[in-house]
Amino acid sequence: ETWDYTESEIPSITDGELLIKIEYISMDPAMRGWLNDAKSYIAPVQIGEVMRAGTVGKVIESKHEKFVVGDYVAGHNGVQS
């Protein structure tokens, strides 16, 4: 009831972008607080928005001068199944 399963095409990338296959998602207690509509260190996730999480992934396609296929990257990304 909380999550939907959908399938979509893998997007094509343009100059300066990369496509990352997420391999690890961090499920942190702070994520629950991100759902509250209150002032915090980070903007809340609104109803209908994609949830974000700390992630580690592998570059599978690159049109960015600083990243090549096979590089690993980390950051906060939108996560969907």
PDB file of N, CA and C in Angstrom:
ATOM      1  N   GLU A   1       0.804  -1.192   0.000  1.00  0.00           N
ATOM      2  CA  GLU A   1       0.000   0.000   0.000  1.00  0.00           C
ATOM      3  C   GLU A   1       0.853   1.263   0.000  1.00  0.00           C
ATOM      4  N   THR A   2       2.063   1.154   0.523  1.00  0.00           N
ATOM      5  CA  THR A   2       2.932   2.324   0.597  1.00  0.00           C
ATOM      6  C   THR A   2       3.788   2.459  -0.652  1.00  0.00           C
ATOM      7  N   TRP A   3       4.176   1.353  -1.249  1.00  0.00           N
ATOM      8  CA  TRP A   3       5.078   1.363  -2.389  1.00  0.00           C
ATOM      9  C   TRP A   3       4.351   0.831  -3.613  1.00  0.00           C
ATOM     10  N   ASP A   4       4.705   1.355  -4.766  1.00  0.00           N
ATOM     11  CA  ASP A   4       4.191   0.864  -6.037  1.00  0.00           C
ATOM     12  C   ASP A   4       5.327   0.224  -6.812  1.00  0.00           C
ATOM     13  N   TYR A   5       5.030  -0.826  -7.549  1.00  0.00           N
ATOM     14  CA  TYR A   5       6.012  -1.425  -8.442  1.00  0.00           C
ATOM     15  C   TYR A   5       5.673  -1.009  -9.859  1.00  0.00           C
ATOM     16  N   THR A   6       6.599  -0.317 -10.494  1.00  0.00           N
ATOM     17  CA  THR A   6       6.431   0.080 -11.886  1.00  0.00           C
ATOM     18  C   THR A   6       7.735  -0.184 -12.627  1.00  0.00           C
ATOM     19  N   GLU A   7       7.652  -0.333 -13.926  1.00  0.00           N
ATOM     20  CA  GLU A   7       8.837  -0.484 -14.762  1.00  0.00           C
ATOM     21  C   GLU A   7       8.870   0.655 -15.752  1.00  0.00           C
ATOM     22  N   SER A   8      10.077   1.119 -16.069  1.00  0.00           N
ATOM     23  CA  SER A   8      10.228   2.191 -17.052  1.00  0.00           C
ATOM     24  C   SER A   8      11.519   1.974 -17.824  1.00  0.00           C
ATOM     25  N   GLU A   9      11.612   2.634 -18.951  1.00  0.00           N
ATOM     26  CA  GLU A   9      12.807   2.551 -19.787  1.00  0.00           C
ATOM     27  C   GLU A   9      13.971   3.246 -19.091  1.00  0.00           C
ATOM     28  N   ILE A  10      15.172   2.742 -19.305  1.00  0.00           N
ATOM     29  CA  ILE A  10      16.363   3.412 -18.785  1.00  0.00           C
ATOM     30  C   ILE A  10      16.551   4.683 -19.594  1.00  0.00           C
ATOM     31  N   PRO A  11      16.698   5.819 -18.924  1.00  0.00           N
ATOM     32  CA  PRO A  11      16.810   7.084 -19.658  1.00  0.00           C
ATOM     33  C   PRO A  11      18.128   7.184 -20.425  1.00  0.00           C
ATOM     34  N   SER A  12      18.107   7.893 -21.540  1.00  0.00           N
ATOM     35  CA  SER A  12      19.351   8.171 -22.254  1.00  0.00           C
ATOM     36  C   SER A  12      19.991   9.392 -21.606  1.00  0.00           C
ATOM     37  N   ILE A  13      21.303   9.450 -21.654  1.00  0.00           N
ATOM     38  CA  ILE A  13      22.009  10.560 -21.018  1.00  0.00           C
ATOM     39  C   ILE A  13      22.510  11.538 -22.067  1.00  0.00           C
ATOM     40  N   THR A  14      22.763  12.759 -21.621  1.00  0.00           N
ATOM     41  CA  THR A  14      23.283  13.803 -22.503  1.00  0.00           C
ATOM     42  C   THR A  14      24.646  14.238 -21.993  1.00  0.00           C
ATOM     43  N   ASP A  15      25.295  15.124 -22.714  1.00  0.00           N
ATOM     44  CA  ASP A  15      26.627  15.595 -22.338  1.00  0.00           C
ATOM     45  C   ASP A  15      26.646  16.091 -20.899  1.00  0.00           C
ATOM     46  N   GLY A  16      27.675  15.669 -20.162  1.00  0.00           N
ATOM     47  CA  GLY A  16      27.844  16.079 -18.777  1.00  0.00           C
ATOM     48  C   GLY A  16      27.132  15.184 -17.776  1.00  0.00           C
ATOM     49  N   GLU A  17      26.428  14.162 -18.257  1.00  0.00           N
ATOM     50  CA  GLU A  17      25.676  13.281 -17.364  1.00  0.00           C
ATOM     51  C   GLU A  17      26.292  11.889 -17.324  1.00  0.00           C
ATOM     52  N   LEU A  18      25.881  11.115 -16.318  1.00  0.00           N
ATOM     53  CA  LEU A  18      26.261   9.719 -16.253  1.00  0.00           C
ATOM     54  C   LEU A  18      25.093   8.889 -15.758  1.00  0.00           C
ATOM     55  N   LEU A  19      25.119   7.625 -16.095  1.00  0.00           N
ATOM     56  CA  LEU A  19      24.095   6.688 -15.662  1.00  0.00           C
ATOM     57  C   LEU A  19      24.743   5.768 -14.639  1.00  0.00           C
ATOM     58  N   ILE A  20      24.107   5.670 -13.477  1.00  0.00           N
ATOM     59  CA  ILE A  20      24.676   4.928 -12.361  1.00  0.00           C
ATOM     60  C   ILE A  20      23.765   3.762 -12.011  1.00  0.00           C
ATOM     61  N   LYS A  21      24.354   2.594 -11.844  1.00  0.00           N
ATOM     62  CA  LYS A  21      23.619   1.447 -11.317  1.00  0.00           C
ATOM     63  C   LYS A  21      23.863   1.441  -9.810  1.00  0.00           C
ATOM     64  N   ILE A  22      22.818   1.723  -9.045  1.00  0.00           N
ATOM     65  CA  ILE A  22      22.950   1.769  -7.600  1.00  0.00           C
ATOM     66  C   ILE A  22      23.148   0.349  -7.074  1.00  0.00           C
ATOM     67  N   GLU A  23      24.213   0.161  -6.289  1.00  0.00           N
ATOM     68  CA  GLU A  23      24.511  -1.157  -5.738  1.00  0.00           C
ATOM     69  C   GLU A  23      24.250  -1.236  -4.239  1.00  0.00           C
ATOM     70  N   TYR A  24      24.331  -0.099  -3.555  1.00  0.00           N
ATOM     71  CA  TYR A  24      24.102  -0.081  -2.109  1.00  0.00           C
ATOM     72  C   TYR A  24      23.244   1.120  -1.743  1.00  0.00           C
ATOM     73  N   ILE A  25      22.262   0.890  -0.887  1.00  0.00           N
ATOM     74  CA  ILE A  25      21.397   1.955  -0.379  1.00  0.00           C
ATOM     75  C   ILE A  25      21.497   1.939   1.135  1.00  0.00           C
ATOM     76  N   SER A  26      21.728   3.094   1.719  1.00  0.00           N
ATOM     77  CA  SER A  26      21.797   3.219   3.169  1.00  0.00           C
ATOM     78  C   SER A  26      20.405   3.525   3.712  1.00  0.00           C
ATOM     79  N   MET A  27      19.906   2.662   4.567  1.00  0.00           N
ATOM     80  CA  MET A  27      18.599   2.863   5.197  1.00  0.00           C
ATOM     81  C   MET A  27      18.851   3.440   6.590  1.00  0.00           C
ATOM     82  N   ASP A  28      18.789   4.755   6.702  1.00  0.00           N
ATOM     83  CA  ASP A  28      19.141   5.448   7.933  1.00  0.00           C
ATOM     84  C   ASP A  28      17.910   5.856   8.732  1.00  0.00           C
ATOM     85  N   PRO A  29      18.000   5.860  10.073  1.00  0.00           N
ATOM     86  CA  PRO A  29      16.885   6.335  10.899  1.00  0.00           C
ATOM     87  C   PRO A  29      16.452   7.759  10.538  1.00  0.00           C
ATOM     88  N   ALA A  30      17.375   8.580  10.086  1.00  0.00           N
ATOM     89  CA  ALA A  30      17.048   9.971   9.736  1.00  0.00           C
ATOM     90  C   ALA A  30      16.020  10.059   8.616  1.00  0.00           C
ATOM     91  N   MET A  31      15.914   9.024   7.804  1.00  0.00           N
ATOM     92  CA  MET A  31      14.969   9.048   6.686  1.00  0.00           C
ATOM     93  C   MET A  31      13.536   9.240   7.181  1.00  0.00           C
ATOM     94  N   ARG A  32      13.225   8.695   8.348  1.00  0.00           N
ATOM     95  CA  ARG A  32      11.874   8.872   8.897  1.00  0.00           C
ATOM     96  C   ARG A  32      11.608  10.346   9.164  1.00  0.00           C
ATOM     97  N   GLY A  33      12.598  11.060   9.683  1.00  0.00           N
ATOM     98  CA  GLY A  33      12.452  12.485   9.953  1.00  0.00           C
ATOM     99  C   GLY A  33      12.290  13.311   8.689  1.00  0.00           C
ATOM    100  N   TRP A  34      12.831  12.846   7.577  1.00  0.00           N
ATOM    101  CA  TRP A  34      12.714  13.578   6.308  1.00  0.00           C
ATOM    102  C   TRP A  34      11.278  13.601   5.808  1.00  0.00           C
ATOM    103  N   LEU A  35      10.440  12.724   6.347  1.00  0.00           N
ATOM    104  CA  LEU A  35       9.035  12.681   5.937  1.00  0.00           C
ATOM    105  C   LEU A  35       8.181  13.685   6.695  1.00  0.00           C
ATOM    106  N   ASN A  36       8.724  14.256   7.769  1.00  0.00           N
ATOM    107  CA  ASN A  36       7.994  15.264   8.542  1.00  0.00           C
ATOM    108  C   ASN A  36       8.084  16.614   7.855  1.00  0.00           C
ATOM    109  N   ASP A  37       6.990  17.318   7.799  1.00  0.00           N
ATOM    110  CA  ASP A  37       6.966  18.649   7.187  1.00  0.00           C
ATOM    111  C   ASP A  37       7.352  19.684   8.245  1.00  0.00           C
ATOM    112  N   ALA A  38       8.618  19.652   8.626  1.00  0.00           N
ATOM    113  CA  ALA A  38       9.120  20.552   9.665  1.00  0.00           C
ATOM    114  C   ALA A  38      10.490  21.070   9.253  1.00  0.00           C
ATOM    115  N   LYS A  39      10.875  22.213   9.795  1.00  0.00           N
ATOM    116  CA  LYS A  39      12.185  22.788   9.500  1.00  0.00           C
ATOM    117  C   LYS A  39      13.267  21.848  10.017  1.00  0.00           C
ATOM    118  N   SER A  40      14.238  21.588   9.180  1.00  0.00           N
ATOM    119  CA  SER A  40      15.303  20.661   9.523  1.00  0.00           C
ATOM    120  C   SER A  40      16.555  21.032   8.736  1.00  0.00           C
ATOM    121  N   TYR A  41      17.592  20.254   8.893  1.00  0.00           N
ATOM    122  CA  TYR A  41      18.838  20.477   8.156  1.00  0.00           C
ATOM    123  C   TYR A  41      18.693  20.144   6.674  1.00  0.00           C
ATOM    124  N   ILE A  42      17.616  19.462   6.304  1.00  0.00           N
ATOM    125  CA  ILE A  42      17.382  19.065   4.923  1.00  0.00           C
ATOM    126  C   ILE A  42      15.885  19.208   4.629  1.00  0.00           C
ATOM    127  N   ALA A  43      15.563  19.567   3.411  1.00  0.00           N
ATOM    128  CA  ALA A  43      14.149  19.756   3.049  1.00  0.00           C
ATOM    129  C   ALA A  43      13.388  18.438   3.184  1.00  0.00           C
ATOM    130  N   PRO A  44      12.141  18.493   3.636  1.00  0.00           N
ATOM    131  CA  PRO A  44      11.364  17.262   3.763  1.00  0.00           C
ATOM    132  C   PRO A  44      11.011  16.667   2.400  1.00  0.00           C
ATOM    133  N   VAL A  45      10.817  15.363   2.386  1.00  0.00           N
ATOM    134  CA  VAL A  45      10.336  14.673   1.190  1.00  0.00           C
ATOM    135  C   VAL A  45       8.822  14.822   1.187  1.00  0.00           C
ATOM    136  N   GLN A  46       8.302  15.427   0.142  1.00  0.00           N
ATOM    137  CA  GLN A  46       6.867  15.680   0.050  1.00  0.00           C
ATOM    138  C   GLN A  46       6.132  14.451  -0.484  1.00  0.00           C
ATOM    139  N   ILE A  47       4.850  14.382  -0.211  1.00  0.00           N
ATOM    140  CA  ILE A  47       4.023  13.290  -0.725  1.00  0.00           C
ATOM    141  C   ILE A  47       4.129  13.271  -2.250  1.00  0.00           C
ATOM    142  N   GLY A  48       4.405  12.107  -2.798  1.00  0.00           N
ATOM    143  CA  GLY A  48       4.540  11.945  -4.242  1.00  0.00           C
ATOM    144  C   GLY A  48       5.960  12.102  -4.753  1.00  0.00           C
ATOM    145  N   GLU A  49       6.868  12.634  -3.931  1.00  0.00           N
ATOM    146  CA  GLU A  49       8.265  12.773  -4.350  1.00  0.00           C
ATOM    147  C   GLU A  49       9.002  11.449  -4.160  1.00  0.00           C
ATOM    148  N   VAL A  50      10.103  11.301  -4.877  1.00  0.00           N
ATOM    149  CA  VAL A  50      10.950  10.122  -4.746  1.00  0.00           C
ATOM    150  C   VAL A  50      11.761  10.249  -3.463  1.00  0.00           C
ATOM    151  N   MET A  51      11.820   9.179  -2.687  1.00  0.00           N
ATOM    152  CA  MET A  51      12.611   9.163  -1.455  1.00  0.00           C
ATOM    153  C   MET A  51      14.085   9.216  -1.806  1.00  0.00           C
ATOM    154  N   ARG A  52      14.855   9.869  -0.967  1.00  0.00           N
ATOM    155  CA  ARG A  52      16.304   9.936  -1.180  1.00  0.00           C
ATOM    156  C   ARG A  52      17.002   9.101  -0.117  1.00  0.00           C
ATOM    157  N   ALA A  53      18.214   8.686  -0.441  1.00  0.00           N
ATOM    158  CA  ALA A  53      19.015   7.895   0.486  1.00  0.00           C
ATOM    159  C   ALA A  53      20.477   8.024   0.099  1.00  0.00           C
ATOM    160  N   GLY A  54      21.335   7.734   1.036  1.00  0.00           N
ATOM    161  CA  GLY A  54      22.751   7.626   0.720  1.00  0.00           C
ATOM    162  C   GLY A  54      22.950   6.398  -0.153  1.00  0.00           C
ATOM    163  N   THR A  55      23.723   6.546  -1.208  1.00  0.00           N
ATOM    164  CA  THR A  55      23.903   5.439  -2.143  1.00  0.00           C
ATOM    165  C   THR A  55      25.356   5.315  -2.588  1.00  0.00           C
ATOM    166  N   VAL A  56      25.698   4.118  -3.036  1.00  0.00           N
ATOM    167  CA  VAL A  56      26.959   3.852  -3.722  1.00  0.00           C
ATOM    168  C   VAL A  56      26.586   3.108  -4.993  1.00  0.00           C
ATOM    169  N   GLY A  57      27.140   3.550  -6.102  1.00  0.00           N
ATOM    170  CA  GLY A  57      26.810   2.907  -7.362  1.00  0.00           C
ATOM    171  C   GLY A  57      27.976   2.910  -8.332  1.00  0.00           C
ATOM    172  N   LYS A  58      27.797   2.159  -9.404  1.00  0.00           N
ATOM    173  CA  LYS A  58      28.821   2.012 -10.438  1.00  0.00           C
ATOM    174  C   LYS A  58      28.357   2.719 -11.702  1.00  0.00           C
ATOM    175  N   VAL A  59      29.254   3.493 -12.297  1.00  0.00           N
ATOM    176  CA  VAL A  59      28.953   4.181 -13.552  1.00  0.00           C
ATOM    177  C   VAL A  59      28.852   3.131 -14.658  1.00  0.00           C
ATOM    178  N   ILE A  60      27.683   3.088 -15.328  1.00  0.00           N
ATOM    179  CA  ILE A  60      27.505   2.124 -16.423  1.00  0.00           C
ATOM    180  C   ILE A  60      27.463   2.803 -17.788  1.00  0.00           C
ATOM    181  N   GLU A  61      27.336   4.120 -17.789  1.00  0.00           N
ATOM    182  CA  GLU A  61      27.423   4.904 -19.025  1.00  0.00           C
ATOM    183  C   GLU A  61      27.838   6.312 -18.629  1.00  0.00           C
ATOM    184  N   SER A  62      28.741   6.923 -19.401  1.00  0.00           N
ATOM    185  CA  SER A  62      29.214   8.254 -19.042  1.00  0.00           C
ATOM    186  C   SER A  62      29.382   9.148 -20.260  1.00  0.00           C
ATOM    187  N   LYS A  63      28.895  10.369 -20.112  1.00  0.00           N
ATOM    188  CA  LYS A  63      29.169  11.442 -21.067  1.00  0.00           C
ATOM    189  C   LYS A  63      29.702  12.632 -20.268  1.00  0.00           C
ATOM    190  N   HIS A  64      30.462  12.318 -19.229  1.00  0.00           N
ATOM    191  CA  HIS A  64      31.055  13.318 -18.345  1.00  0.00           C
ATOM    192  C   HIS A  64      32.563  13.147 -18.393  1.00  0.00           C
ATOM    193  N   GLU A  65      33.271  14.234 -18.522  1.00  0.00           N
ATOM    194  CA  GLU A  65      34.728  14.170 -18.698  1.00  0.00           C
ATOM    195  C   GLU A  65      35.472  13.633 -17.478  1.00  0.00           C
ATOM    196  N   LYS A  66      34.872  13.683 -16.287  1.00  0.00           N
ATOM    197  CA  LYS A  66      35.577  13.261 -15.076  1.00  0.00           C
ATOM    198  C   LYS A  66      35.237  11.838 -14.627  1.00  0.00           C
ATOM    199  N   PHE A  67      34.308  11.182 -15.304  1.00  0.00           N
ATOM    200  CA  PHE A  67      33.896   9.842 -14.895  1.00  0.00           C
ATOM    201  C   PHE A  67      33.930   8.894 -16.082  1.00  0.00           C
ATOM    202  N   VAL A  68      34.399   7.666 -15.824  1.00  0.00           N
ATOM    203  CA  VAL A  68      34.430   6.640 -16.870  1.00  0.00           C
ATOM    204  C   VAL A  68      33.612   5.440 -16.403  1.00  0.00           C
ATOM    205  N   VAL A  69      33.188   4.629 -17.357  1.00  0.00           N
ATOM    206  CA  VAL A  69      32.456   3.409 -17.035  1.00  0.00           C
ATOM    207  C   VAL A  69      33.308   2.571 -16.088  1.00  0.00           C
ATOM    208  N   GLY A  70      32.694   2.099 -15.019  1.00  0.00           N
ATOM    209  CA  GLY A  70      33.396   1.298 -14.020  1.00  0.00           C
ATOM    210  C   GLY A  70      33.738   2.062 -12.756  1.00  0.00           C
ATOM    211  N   ASP A  71      33.724   3.404 -12.821  1.00  0.00           N
ATOM    212  CA  ASP A  71      33.964   4.206 -11.616  1.00  0.00           C
ATOM    213  C   ASP A  71      32.848   3.961 -10.609  1.00  0.00           C
ATOM    214  N   TYR A  72      33.206   4.039  -9.330  1.00  0.00           N
ATOM    215  CA  TYR A  72      32.204   4.004  -8.263  1.00  0.00           C
ATOM    216  C   TYR A  72      31.987   5.410  -7.746  1.00  0.00           C
ATOM    217  N   VAL A  73      30.745   5.741  -7.440  1.00  0.00           N
ATOM    218  CA  VAL A  73      30.387   7.063  -6.941  1.00  0.00           C
ATOM    219  C   VAL A  73      29.466   6.902  -5.735  1.00  0.00           C
ATOM    220  N   ALA A  74      29.462   7.920  -4.877  1.00  0.00           N
ATOM    221  CA  ALA A  74      28.601   7.919  -3.697  1.00  0.00           C
ATOM    222  C   ALA A  74      27.902   9.257  -3.596  1.00  0.00           C
ATOM    223  N   GLY A  75      26.736   9.261  -2.987  1.00  0.00           N
ATOM    224  CA  GLY A  75      26.012  10.505  -2.790  1.00  0.00           C
ATOM    225  C   GLY A  75      24.609  10.234  -2.306  1.00  0.00           C
ATOM    226  N   HIS A  76      23.811  11.281  -2.233  1.00  0.00           N
ATOM    227  CA  HIS A  76      22.385  11.143  -1.928  1.00  0.00           C
ATOM    228  C   HIS A  76      21.639  11.163  -3.253  1.00  0.00           C
ATOM    229  N   ASN A  77      20.906  10.116  -3.512  1.00  0.00           N
ATOM    230  CA  ASN A  77      20.157   9.987  -4.758  1.00  0.00           C
ATOM    231  C   ASN A  77      18.724   9.585  -4.462  1.00  0.00           C
ATOM    232  N   GLY A  78      17.870   9.829  -5.435  1.00  0.00           N
ATOM    233  CA  GLY A  78      16.513   9.324  -5.325  1.00  0.00           C
ATOM    234  C   GLY A  78      16.548   7.815  -5.450  1.00  0.00           C
ATOM    235  N   VAL A  79      15.777   7.138  -4.625  1.00  0.00           N
ATOM    236  CA  VAL A  79      15.756   5.677  -4.682  1.00  0.00           C
ATOM    237  C   VAL A  79      14.338   5.193  -4.961  1.00  0.00           C
ATOM    238  N   GLN A  80      14.257   4.295  -5.906  1.00  0.00           N
ATOM    239  CA  GLN A  80      13.000   3.650  -6.278  1.00  0.00           C
ATOM    240  C   GLN A  80      13.323   2.200  -6.572  1.00  0.00           C
ATOM    241  N   SER A  81      12.359   1.350  -6.422  1.00  0.00           N
ATOM    242  CA  SER A  81      12.612  -0.051  -6.753  1.00  0.00           C
ATOM    243  C   SER A  81      12.085  -0.337  -8.138  1.00  0.00           C
TER     244      SER A  81
END
